Amino acid sequence: MTVADGPMLAEQVDLKQKLHQRSLKRFLIGVGAGVLILGMLVCAGFYFTPYAPNAPDFLNRLSPPSETHWFGTDQLGRDVATRLLYGGLWSVGLALLITSLGAIAGTAIGLAAGHFGRAADATLMRVTDSFFAFPELIAAITIAGVLGPSTANMVLALILVGWMRFARLARGLSLEIAHRDFVTQAKLNGLPSRLILWRHILPNVGPSLLVLWTNSWSRTILSISGLSFLGFGVQPPNAEWGAMLLDGKAYMQTAPHLMIFPGLAILISVLAINLTGDQLRDLLGSSSATSD
């Protein structure tokens, strides 16, 4: 490589970094716009639907999809489309809350384990490993079964079994970042540990945690639907996609729409979140590789 090639290579790397940053920015703007449009459509659905989600109409029991009931009615004559809208608040919205709380708790534990010495690391990681000894869904079913079937107990159970992945990832990344020059310089300058965590370590750990958060969000949707389908989650008459599958199971032969539409709602939401997380991972990974 000649001396003249050095500036050319530097310019190429800088150009790649700018292209990756633009791609990431466009992607995040597209995701934000998509979420905003979807939220507006859902709000419009709440506003314009003429049906109450839990109001029975026995004269229209098990009606197939029609102009008046786009997705048909259930065994009590309730509009399935309306219940799907309200069910999304439980399945998707509640999963968002559970995943975010688990991410906050797990990240805090992982950062503490990776930053506050071997004793804290050993203690916190042993606790994390003990939670990892049980499969998440089985542990959640056990906890919810012991506490009793209710939405609050389901939320508590899923938070208790959902923070460990964040703790492991945050701990591993913080240990790696702790040896970098800018962290060492901050320590030599006498910066307090809490400020080092907040200003230097967390911003560098954040992108990887964001990707894990998207994947955990979709997994939590499946867990909520599964627990509700087994009777341990959201309780009747509240509309939740897993609970709707449970209600429609007895009518699978005579009214298959009772299971088709909630199943499609779960499938589409989980697929959309997973694809978004995969694309975000690829963009962040490419950006990291370029910067190296």
C-alpha atoms as a PDB file:
ATOM      1  CA  MET A   1       0.000   0.000   0.000  1.00  0.00           C
ATOM      2  CA  THR A   2       1.402   3.373  -1.016  1.00  0.00           C
ATOM      3  CA  VAL A   3       1.284   6.531   1.059  1.00  0.00           C
ATOM      4  CA  ALA A   4      -1.406   7.926  -1.238  1.00  0.00           C
ATOM      5  CA  ASP A   5      -3.631   4.937  -0.555  1.00  0.00           C
ATOM      6  CA  GLY A   6      -3.968   5.859   3.134  1.00  0.00           C
ATOM      7  CA  PRO A   7      -6.220   8.910   2.696  1.00  0.00           C
ATOM      8  CA  MET A   8      -8.274   7.053   0.058  1.00  0.00           C
ATOM      9  CA  LEU A   9      -8.939   4.154   2.431  1.00  0.00           C
ATOM     10  CA  ALA A  10      -9.823   6.581   5.212  1.00  0.00           C
ATOM     11  CA  GLU A  11     -12.282   8.338   2.928  1.00  0.00           C
ATOM     12  CA  GLN A  12     -13.853   4.998   1.939  1.00  0.00           C
ATOM     13  CA  VAL A  13     -14.287   3.983   5.574  1.00  0.00           C
ATOM     14  CA  ASP A  14     -15.756   7.387   6.409  1.00  0.00           C
ATOM     15  CA  LEU A  15     -18.143   7.097   3.446  1.00  0.00           C
ATOM     16  CA  LYS A  16     -19.271   3.632   4.569  1.00  0.00           C
ATOM     17  CA  GLN A  17     -19.899   4.923   8.075  1.00  0.00           C
ATOM     18  CA  LYS A  18     -22.012   7.769   6.741  1.00  0.00           C
ATOM     19  CA  LEU A  19     -24.003   5.390   4.506  1.00  0.00           C
ATOM     20  CA  HIS A  20     -24.653   3.044   7.434  1.00  0.00           C
ATOM     21  CA  GLN A  21     -25.719   5.934   9.628  1.00  0.00           C
ATOM     22  CA  ARG A  22     -28.098   7.150   6.931  1.00  0.00           C
ATOM     23  CA  SER A  23     -29.519   3.648   6.457  1.00  0.00           C
ATOM     24  CA  LEU A  24     -30.031   3.277  10.199  1.00  0.00           C
ATOM     25  CA  LYS A  25     -31.640   6.697  10.437  1.00  0.00           C
ATOM     26  CA  ARG A  26     -33.993   5.968   7.527  1.00  0.00           C
ATOM     27  CA  PHE A  27     -34.862   2.606   9.055  1.00  0.00           C
ATOM     28  CA  LEU A  28     -35.663   4.115  12.462  1.00  0.00           C
ATOM     29  CA  ILE A  29     -37.726   6.862  10.821  1.00  0.00           C
ATOM     30  CA  GLY A  30     -39.603   4.217   8.812  1.00  0.00           C
ATOM     31  CA  VAL A  31     -40.276   2.150  11.928  1.00  0.00           C
ATOM     32  CA  GLY A  32     -41.462   5.229  13.800  1.00  0.00           C
ATOM     33  CA  ALA A  33     -43.746   6.234  10.932  1.00  0.00           C
ATOM     34  CA  GLY A  34     -45.119   2.699  10.679  1.00  0.00           C
ATOM     35  CA  VAL A  35     -45.840   2.558  14.406  1.00  0.00           C
ATOM     36  CA  LEU A  36     -47.502   5.980  14.259  1.00  0.00           C
ATOM     37  CA  ILE A  37     -49.702   5.000  11.315  1.00  0.00           C
ATOM     38  CA  LEU A  38     -50.620   1.691  12.931  1.00  0.00           C
ATOM     39  CA  GLY A  39     -51.445   3.480  16.191  1.00  0.00           C
ATOM     40  CA  MET A  40     -53.656   5.942  14.345  1.00  0.00           C
ATOM     41  CA  LEU A  41     -55.479   3.105  12.576  1.00  0.00           C
ATOM     42  CA  VAL A  42     -56.038   1.285  15.856  1.00  0.00           C
ATOM     43  CA  CYS A  43     -57.314   4.453  17.531  1.00  0.00           C
ATOM     44  CA  ALA A  44     -59.617   5.030  14.565  1.00  0.00           C
ATOM     45  CA  GLY A  45     -60.869   1.458  14.963  1.00  0.00           C
ATOM     46  CA  PHE A  46     -61.656   2.085  18.629  1.00  0.00           C
ATOM     47  CA  TYR A  47     -63.489   5.277  17.724  1.00  0.00           C
ATOM     48  CA  PHE A  48     -65.526   4.034  14.777  1.00  0.00           C
ATOM     49  CA  THR A  49     -66.449   0.519  15.884  1.00  0.00           C
ATOM     50  CA  PRO A  50     -70.138   0.412  16.830  1.00  0.00           C
ATOM     51  CA  TYR A  51     -69.694  -2.618  19.076  1.00  0.00           C
ATOM     52  CA  ALA A  52     -68.598  -3.014  22.677  1.00  0.00           C
ATOM     53  CA  PRO A  53     -65.947  -5.719  23.161  1.00  0.00           C
ATOM     54  CA  ASN A  54     -67.765  -7.530  25.975  1.00  0.00           C
ATOM     55  CA  ALA A  55     -71.424  -6.842  25.154  1.00  0.00           C
ATOM     56  CA  PRO A  56     -73.215 -10.095  24.161  1.00  0.00           C
ATOM     57  CA  ASP A  57     -75.674 -10.316  21.291  1.00  0.00           C
ATOM     58  CA  PHE A  58     -77.283 -13.743  21.467  1.00  0.00           C
ATOM     59  CA  LEU A  59     -79.266 -13.213  18.272  1.00  0.00           C
ATOM     60  CA  ASN A  60     -76.007 -13.135  16.280  1.00  0.00           C
ATOM     61  CA  ARG A  61     -74.119 -15.991  17.903  1.00  0.00           C
ATOM     62  CA  LEU A  62     -71.346 -17.601  15.806  1.00  0.00           C
ATOM     63  CA  SER A  63     -72.106 -15.490  12.738  1.00  0.00           C
ATOM     64  CA  PRO A  64     -69.554 -15.880   9.905  1.00  0.00           C
ATOM     65  CA  PRO A  65     -67.670 -12.854   8.538  1.00  0.00           C
ATOM     66  CA  SER A  66     -70.051 -10.398   6.880  1.00  0.00           C
ATOM     67  CA  GLU A  67     -70.456  -6.720   6.035  1.00  0.00           C
ATOM     68  CA  THR A  68     -71.761  -5.921   9.513  1.00  0.00           C
ATOM     69  CA  HIS A  69     -69.249  -8.154  11.346  1.00  0.00           C
ATOM     70  CA  TRP A  70     -66.053  -8.238   9.283  1.00  0.00           C
ATOM     71  CA  PHE A  71     -64.491 -11.075  11.281  1.00  0.00           C
ATOM     72  CA  GLY A  72     -67.752 -12.658  12.446  1.00  0.00           C
ATOM     73  CA  THR A  73     -69.038 -13.054  15.994  1.00  0.00           C
ATOM     74  CA  ASP A  74     -68.183 -15.428  18.811  1.00  0.00           C
ATOM     75  CA  GLN A  75     -70.264 -17.812  20.914  1.00  0.00           C
ATOM     76  CA  LEU A  76     -71.843 -14.882  22.779  1.00  0.00           C
ATOM     77  CA  GLY A  77     -72.464 -12.763  19.694  1.00  0.00           C
ATOM     78  CA  ARG A  78     -69.585 -10.387  20.393  1.00  0.00           C
ATOM     79  CA  ASP A  79     -67.877  -8.801  17.393  1.00  0.00           C
ATOM     80  CA  VAL A  80     -64.561 -10.570  16.791  1.00  0.00           C
ATOM     81  CA  ALA A  81     -62.939  -7.601  15.009  1.00  0.00           C
ATOM     82  CA  THR A  82     -63.664  -5.313  17.948  1.00  0.00           C
ATOM     83  CA  ARG A  83     -62.336  -7.873  20.402  1.00  0.00           C
ATOM     84  CA  LEU A  84     -59.176  -8.239  18.328  1.00  0.00           C
ATOM     85  CA  LEU A  85     -58.559  -4.503  18.621  1.00  0.00           C
ATOM     86  CA  TYR A  86     -59.015  -4.523  22.384  1.00  0.00           C
ATOM     87  CA  GLY A  87     -57.107  -7.797  22.641  1.00  0.00           C
ATOM     88  CA  GLY A  88     -54.083  -6.104  21.096  1.00  0.00           C
ATOM     89  CA  LEU A  89     -53.898  -3.838  24.146  1.00  0.00           C
ATOM     90  CA  TRP A  90     -53.450  -6.918  26.310  1.00  0.00           C
ATOM     91  CA  SER A  91     -51.287  -9.048  24.001  1.00  0.00           C
ATOM     92  CA  VAL A  92     -49.029  -6.388  22.462  1.00  0.00           C
ATOM     93  CA  GLY A  93     -49.315  -3.523  24.957  1.00  0.00           C
ATOM     94  CA  LEU A  94     -48.919  -5.673  28.041  1.00  0.00           C
ATOM     95  CA  ALA A  95     -46.006  -7.507  26.429  1.00  0.00           C
ATOM     96  CA  LEU A  96     -44.351  -4.137  25.776  1.00  0.00           C
ATOM     97  CA  LEU A  97     -44.701  -3.194  29.452  1.00  0.00           C
ATOM     98  CA  ILE A  98     -43.445  -6.566  30.721  1.00  0.00           C
ATOM     99  CA  THR A  99     -40.467  -6.604  28.354  1.00  0.00           C
ATOM    100  CA  SER A 100     -39.493  -3.033  29.244  1.00  0.00           C
ATOM    101  CA  LEU A 101     -39.631  -3.704  32.993  1.00  0.00           C
ATOM    102  CA  GLY A 102     -37.631  -6.901  32.566  1.00  0.00           C
ATOM    103  CA  ALA A 103     -35.089  -5.066  30.410  1.00  0.00           C
ATOM    104  CA  ILE A 104     -34.649  -2.306  32.997  1.00  0.00           C
ATOM    105  CA  ALA A 105     -34.195  -4.770  35.860  1.00  0.00           C
ATOM    106  CA  GLY A 106     -31.891  -7.086  33.916  1.00  0.00           C
ATOM    107  CA  THR A 107     -29.755  -4.262  32.557  1.00  0.00           C
ATOM    108  CA  ALA A 108     -29.305  -2.763  36.014  1.00  0.00           C
ATOM    109  CA  ILE A 109     -28.281  -6.149  37.453  1.00  0.00           C
ATOM    110  CA  GLY A 110     -25.936  -6.872  34.549  1.00  0.00           C
ATOM    111  CA  LEU A 111     -24.228  -3.485  34.716  1.00  0.00           C
ATOM    112  CA  ALA A 112     -23.794  -3.813  38.469  1.00  0.00           C
ATOM    113  CA  ALA A 113     -22.298  -7.286  38.064  1.00  0.00           C
ATOM    114  CA  GLY A 114     -19.866  -6.128  35.399  1.00  0.00           C
ATOM    115  CA  HIS A 115     -18.765  -2.917  37.058  1.00  0.00           C
ATOM    116  CA  PHE A 116     -18.704  -3.293  40.845  1.00  0.00           C
ATOM    117  CA  GLY A 117     -16.092  -5.974  41.406  1.00  0.00           C
ATOM    118  CA  ARG A 118     -15.799  -9.727  41.597  1.00  0.00           C
ATOM    119  CA  ALA A 119     -17.950 -10.170  44.705  1.00  0.00           C
ATOM    120  CA  ALA A 120     -20.930  -8.399  43.142  1.00  0.00           C
ATOM    121  CA  ASP A 121     -20.319 -10.225  39.867  1.00  0.00           C
ATOM    122  CA  ALA A 122     -20.221 -13.651  41.506  1.00  0.00           C
ATOM    123  CA  THR A 123     -23.309 -13.043  43.650  1.00  0.00           C
ATOM    124  CA  LEU A 124     -25.502 -11.515  40.948  1.00  0.00           C
ATOM    125  CA  MET A 125     -24.500 -14.024  38.281  1.00  0.00           C
ATOM    126  CA  ARG A 126     -25.205 -16.971  40.566  1.00  0.00           C
ATOM    127  CA  VAL A 127     -28.694 -15.586  41.112  1.00  0.00           C
ATOM    128  CA  THR A 128     -29.066 -15.147  37.362  1.00  0.00           C
ATOM    129  CA  ASP A 129     -27.860 -18.690  36.689  1.00  0.00           C
ATOM    130  CA  SER A 130     -30.337 -20.085  39.221  1.00  0.00           C
ATOM    131  CA  PHE A 131     -33.197 -18.444  37.305  1.00  0.00           C
ATOM    132  CA  PHE A 132     -31.778 -19.777  34.038  1.00  0.00           C
ATOM    133  CA  ALA A 133     -32.006 -23.336  35.420  1.00  0.00           C
ATOM    134  CA  PHE A 134     -35.717 -23.462  34.570  1.00  0.00           C
ATOM    135  CA  PRO A 135     -37.314 -23.013  31.125  1.00  0.00           C
ATOM    136  CA  GLU A 136     -38.961 -19.598  31.012  1.00  0.00           C
ATOM    137  CA  LEU A 137     -42.484 -20.627  30.039  1.00  0.00           C
ATOM    138  CA  ILE A 138     -42.600 -23.571  32.455  1.00  0.00           C
ATOM    139  CA  ALA A 139     -41.349 -21.341  35.269  1.00  0.00           C
ATOM    140  CA  ALA A 140     -43.950 -18.690  34.385  1.00  0.00           C
ATOM    141  CA  ILE A 141     -46.735 -21.305  34.377  1.00  0.00           C
ATOM    142  CA  THR A 142     -45.561 -22.588  37.768  1.00  0.00           C
ATOM    143  CA  ILE A 143     -45.399 -19.128  39.322  1.00  0.00           C
ATOM    144  CA  ALA A 144     -48.767 -18.084  37.887  1.00  0.00           C
ATOM    145  CA  GLY A 145     -50.308 -21.382  38.972  1.00  0.00           C
ATOM    146  CA  VAL A 146     -49.043 -21.014  42.541  1.00  0.00           C
ATOM    147  CA  LEU A 147     -50.124 -17.378  42.831  1.00  0.00           C
ATOM    148  CA  GLY A 148     -53.459 -17.982  41.101  1.00  0.00           C
ATOM    149  CA  PRO A 149     -54.774 -17.150  37.640  1.00  0.00           C
ATOM    150  CA  SER A 150     -54.951 -13.377  37.156  1.00  0.00           C
ATOM    151  CA  THR A 151     -53.461 -10.713  34.931  1.00  0.00           C
ATOM    152  CA  ALA A 152     -51.346  -9.233  37.743  1.00  0.00           C
ATOM    153  CA  ASN A 153     -49.866 -12.610  38.661  1.00  0.00           C
ATOM    154  CA  MET A 154     -49.114 -13.338  35.007  1.00  0.00           C
ATOM    155  CA  VAL A 155     -47.290 -10.005  34.681  1.00  0.00           C
ATOM    156  CA  LEU A 156     -45.252 -10.718  37.821  1.00  0.00           C
ATOM    157  CA  ALA A 157     -44.412 -14.226  36.618  1.00  0.00           C
ATOM    158  CA  LEU A 158     -43.241 -13.067  33.189  1.00  0.00           C
ATOM    159  CA  ILE A 159     -41.116 -10.273  34.659  1.00  0.00           C
ATOM    160  CA  LEU A 160     -39.473 -12.735  37.057  1.00  0.00           C
ATOM    161  CA  VAL A 161     -38.493 -15.066  34.209  1.00  0.00           C
ATOM    162  CA  GLY A 162     -37.684 -12.433  31.576  1.00  0.00           C
ATOM    163  CA  TRP A 163     -34.830 -10.311  32.961  1.00  0.00           C
ATOM    164  CA  MET A 164     -31.961 -12.837  32.861  1.00  0.00           C
ATOM    165  CA  ARG A 165     -31.038 -12.476  29.178  1.00  0.00           C
ATOM    166  CA  PHE A 166     -30.651  -8.739  29.618  1.00  0.00           C
ATOM    167  CA  ALA A 167     -28.494  -9.251  32.708  1.00  0.00           C
ATOM    168  CA  ARG A 168     -26.194 -11.700  30.914  1.00  0.00           C
ATOM    169  CA  LEU A 169     -25.799  -9.466  27.862  1.00  0.00           C
ATOM    170  CA  ALA A 170     -25.305  -6.255  29.846  1.00  0.00           C
ATOM    171  CA  ARG A 171     -22.743  -7.904  32.100  1.00  0.00           C
ATOM    172  CA  GLY A 172     -20.718  -9.364  29.230  1.00  0.00           C
ATOM    173  CA  LEU A 173     -20.663  -6.142  27.221  1.00  0.00           C
ATOM    174  CA  SER A 174     -19.872  -3.975  30.234  1.00  0.00           C
ATOM    175  CA  LEU A 175     -16.882  -6.181  31.105  1.00  0.00           C
ATOM    176  CA  GLU A 176     -15.596  -5.765  27.564  1.00  0.00           C
ATOM    177  CA  ILE A 177     -16.155  -2.007  27.449  1.00  0.00           C
ATOM    178  CA  ALA A 178     -14.637  -1.484  30.913  1.00  0.00           C
ATOM    179  CA  HIS A 179     -11.158  -2.175  29.486  1.00  0.00           C
ATOM    180  CA  ARG A 180     -11.363   0.389  26.712  1.00  0.00           C
ATOM    181  CA  ASP A 181      -9.279   3.522  26.793  1.00  0.00           C
ATOM    182  CA  PHE A 182     -12.093   6.037  27.236  1.00  0.00           C
ATOM    183  CA  VAL A 183     -13.363   4.226  30.351  1.00  0.00           C
ATOM    184  CA  THR A 184      -9.849   4.007  31.794  1.00  0.00           C
ATOM    185  CA  GLN A 185      -9.371   7.714  31.139  1.00  0.00           C
ATOM    186  CA  ALA A 186     -12.675   8.503  32.877  1.00  0.00           C
ATOM    187  CA  LYS A 187     -11.564   6.525  35.935  1.00  0.00           C
ATOM    188  CA  LEU A 188      -8.203   8.314  36.012  1.00  0.00           C
ATOM    189  CA  ASN A 189     -10.029  11.634  35.878  1.00  0.00           C
ATOM    190  CA  GLY A 190     -11.934  10.653  39.015  1.00  0.00           C
ATOM    191  CA  LEU A 191     -15.360  10.338  37.402  1.00  0.00           C
ATOM    192  CA  PRO A 192     -17.798   8.556  39.781  1.00  0.00           C
ATOM    193  CA  SER A 193     -18.844   5.008  38.906  1.00  0.00           C
ATOM    194  CA  ARG A 194     -22.474   5.967  38.368  1.00  0.00           C
ATOM    195  CA  LEU A 195     -21.465   8.600  35.816  1.00  0.00           C
ATOM    196  CA  ILE A 196     -19.126   6.167  34.059  1.00  0.00           C
ATOM    197  CA  LEU A 197     -22.001   3.702  33.770  1.00  0.00           C
ATOM    198  CA  TRP A 198     -24.419   6.361  32.562  1.00  0.00           C
ATOM    199  CA  ARG A 199     -22.166   8.305  30.173  1.00  0.00           C
ATOM    200  CA  HIS A 200     -19.772   5.704  28.803  1.00  0.00           C
ATOM    201  CA  ILE A 201     -20.910   2.106  29.323  1.00  0.00           C
ATOM    202  CA  LEU A 202     -24.689   2.282  28.903  1.00  0.00           C
ATOM    203  CA  PRO A 203     -24.604   4.144  25.542  1.00  0.00           C
ATOM    204  CA  ASN A 204     -22.279   1.464  24.144  1.00  0.00           C
ATOM    205  CA  VAL A 205     -24.344  -1.407  25.572  1.00  0.00           C
ATOM    206  CA  GLY A 206     -27.659   0.126  24.510  1.00  0.00           C
ATOM    207  CA  PRO A 207     -27.789  -0.908  20.816  1.00  0.00           C
ATOM    208  CA  SER A 208     -27.307  -4.617  21.574  1.00  0.00           C
ATOM    209  CA  LEU A 209     -29.861  -4.421  24.380  1.00  0.00           C
ATOM    210  CA  LEU A 210     -32.308  -2.766  21.982  1.00  0.00           C
ATOM    211  CA  VAL A 211     -32.055  -5.703  19.574  1.00  0.00           C
ATOM    212  CA  LEU A 212     -32.576  -8.154  22.440  1.00  0.00           C
ATOM    213  CA  TRP A 213     -35.535  -6.076  23.608  1.00  0.00           C
ATOM    214  CA  THR A 214     -37.318  -6.410  20.257  1.00  0.00           C
ATOM    215  CA  ASN A 215     -36.830 -10.188  20.236  1.00  0.00           C
ATOM    216  CA  SER A 216     -37.979 -10.441  23.859  1.00  0.00           C
ATOM    217  CA  TRP A 217     -41.067  -8.372  23.061  1.00  0.00           C
ATOM    218  CA  SER A 218     -42.256 -10.875  20.451  1.00  0.00           C
ATOM    219  CA  ARG A 219     -41.455 -13.789  22.750  1.00  0.00           C
ATOM    220  CA  THR A 220     -43.463 -12.169  25.542  1.00  0.00           C
ATOM    221  CA  ILE A 221     -46.485 -11.824  23.221  1.00  0.00           C
ATOM    222  CA  LEU A 222     -46.339 -15.583  22.690  1.00  0.00           C
ATOM    223  CA  SER A 223     -45.947 -16.172  26.438  1.00  0.00           C
ATOM    224  CA  ILE A 224     -48.964 -13.991  27.296  1.00  0.00           C
ATOM    225  CA  SER A 225     -51.075 -15.717  24.663  1.00  0.00           C
ATOM    226  CA  GLY A 226     -49.900 -19.124  25.844  1.00  0.00           C
ATOM    227  CA  LEU A 227     -50.619 -18.427  29.514  1.00  0.00           C
ATOM    228  CA  SER A 228     -54.037 -16.979  28.675  1.00  0.00           C
ATOM    229  CA  PHE A 229     -54.805 -19.991  26.477  1.00  0.00           C
ATOM    230  CA  LEU A 230     -53.979 -22.250  29.440  1.00  0.00           C
ATOM    231  CA  GLY A 231     -56.172 -20.159  31.746  1.00  0.00           C
ATOM    232  CA  PHE A 232     -53.356 -18.564  33.794  1.00  0.00           C
ATOM    233  CA  GLY A 233     -53.311 -15.148  32.127  1.00  0.00           C
ATOM    234  CA  VAL A 234     -55.892 -12.529  31.187  1.00  0.00           C
ATOM    235  CA  GLN A 235     -59.254 -13.634  32.518  1.00  0.00           C
ATOM    236  CA  PRO A 236     -62.697 -13.468  30.875  1.00  0.00           C
ATOM    237  CA  PRO A 237     -64.493 -11.425  29.749  1.00  0.00           C
ATOM    238  CA  ASN A 238     -61.435  -9.371  28.769  1.00  0.00           C
ATOM    239  CA  ALA A 239     -60.443  -9.806  25.135  1.00  0.00           C
ATOM    240  CA  GLU A 240     -56.925 -11.197  24.720  1.00  0.00           C
ATOM    241  CA  TRP A 241     -55.714 -13.103  21.684  1.00  0.00           C
ATOM    242  CA  GLY A 242     -54.713 -16.258  23.586  1.00  0.00           C
ATOM    243  CA  ALA A 243     -57.942 -16.197  25.589  1.00  0.00           C
ATOM    244  CA  MET A 244     -59.877 -15.783  22.332  1.00  0.00           C
ATOM    245  CA  LEU A 245     -58.162 -18.897  20.997  1.00  0.00           C
ATOM    246  CA  LEU A 246     -59.248 -20.738  24.130  1.00  0.00           C
ATOM    247  CA  ASP A 247     -62.863 -19.587  23.672  1.00  0.00           C
ATOM    248  CA  GLY A 248     -62.862 -20.615  20.008  1.00  0.00           C
ATOM    249  CA  LYS A 249     -61.328 -24.049  20.546  1.00  0.00           C
ATOM    250  CA  ALA A 250     -64.704 -25.664  21.227  1.00  0.00           C
ATOM    251  CA  TYR A 251     -66.090 -24.249  17.962  1.00  0.00           C
ATOM    252  CA  MET A 252     -63.145 -25.047  15.723  1.00  0.00           C
ATOM    253  CA  GLN A 253     -65.258 -27.215  13.400  1.00  0.00           C
ATOM    254  CA  THR A 254     -68.413 -25.092  13.234  1.00  0.00           C
ATOM    255  CA  ALA A 255     -66.923 -21.579  13.486  1.00  0.00           C
ATOM    256  CA  PRO A 256     -63.222 -21.700  12.525  1.00  0.00           C
ATOM    257  CA  HIS A 257     -63.017 -17.907  12.281  1.00  0.00           C
ATOM    258  CA  LEU A 258     -62.927 -17.768  16.086  1.00  0.00           C
ATOM    259  CA  MET A 259     -59.424 -19.280  15.975  1.00  0.00           C
ATOM    260  CA  ILE A 260     -58.208 -18.120  12.572  1.00  0.00           C
ATOM    261  CA  PHE A 261     -58.277 -14.384  13.213  1.00  0.00           C
ATOM    262  CA  PRO A 262     -56.679 -14.358  16.721  1.00  0.00           C
ATOM    263  CA  GLY A 263     -54.051 -16.777  15.428  1.00  0.00           C
ATOM    264  CA  LEU A 264     -53.288 -14.507  12.480  1.00  0.00           C
ATOM    265  CA  ALA A 265     -53.069 -11.498  14.802  1.00  0.00           C
ATOM    266  CA  ILE A 266     -50.458 -13.272  16.939  1.00  0.00           C
ATOM    267  CA  LEU A 267     -48.551 -14.480  13.887  1.00  0.00           C
ATOM    268  CA  ILE A 268     -48.443 -11.101  12.131  1.00  0.00           C
ATOM    269  CA  SER A 269     -47.465  -9.107  15.237  1.00  0.00           C
ATOM    270  CA  VAL A 270     -44.699 -11.526  16.258  1.00  0.00           C
ATOM    271  CA  LEU A 271     -43.392 -11.761  12.688  1.00  0.00           C
ATOM    272  CA  ALA A 272     -43.362  -7.974  12.243  1.00  0.00           C
ATOM    273  CA  ILE A 273     -41.482  -7.399  15.519  1.00  0.00           C
ATOM    274  CA  ASN A 274     -38.965 -10.163  14.774  1.00  0.00           C
ATOM    275  CA  LEU A 275     -38.277  -8.872  11.263  1.00  0.00           C
ATOM    276  CA  THR A 276     -37.803  -5.364  12.646  1.00  0.00           C
ATOM    277  CA  GLY A 277     -35.369  -6.676  15.259  1.00  0.00           C
ATOM    278  CA  ASP A 278     -33.423  -8.680  12.658  1.00  0.00           C
ATOM    279  CA  GLN A 279     -33.110  -5.658  10.375  1.00  0.00           C
ATOM    280  CA  LEU A 280     -32.029  -3.495  13.291  1.00  0.00           C
ATOM    281  CA  ARG A 281     -29.436  -6.080  14.300  1.00  0.00           C
ATOM    282  CA  ASP A 282     -28.019  -6.194  10.774  1.00  0.00           C
ATOM    283  CA  LEU A 283     -27.788  -2.409  10.561  1.00  0.00           C
ATOM    284  CA  LEU A 284     -26.171  -2.037  13.971  1.00  0.00           C
ATOM    285  CA  GLY A 285     -23.807  -4.938  13.263  1.00  0.00           C
ATOM    286  CA  SER A 286     -22.763  -3.465   9.929  1.00  0.00           C
ATOM    287  CA  SER A 287     -22.234  -0.082  11.520  1.00  0.00           C
ATOM    288  CA  SER A 288     -20.087  -1.609  14.266  1.00  0.00           C
ATOM    289  CA  ALA A 289     -18.016  -3.597  11.775  1.00  0.00           C
ATOM    290  CA  THR A 290     -17.458  -0.508   9.665  1.00  0.00           C
ATOM    291  CA  SER A 291     -16.315   1.567  12.632  1.00  0.00           C
ATOM    292  CA  ASP A 292     -13.793  -1.110  13.583  1.00  0.00           C
END
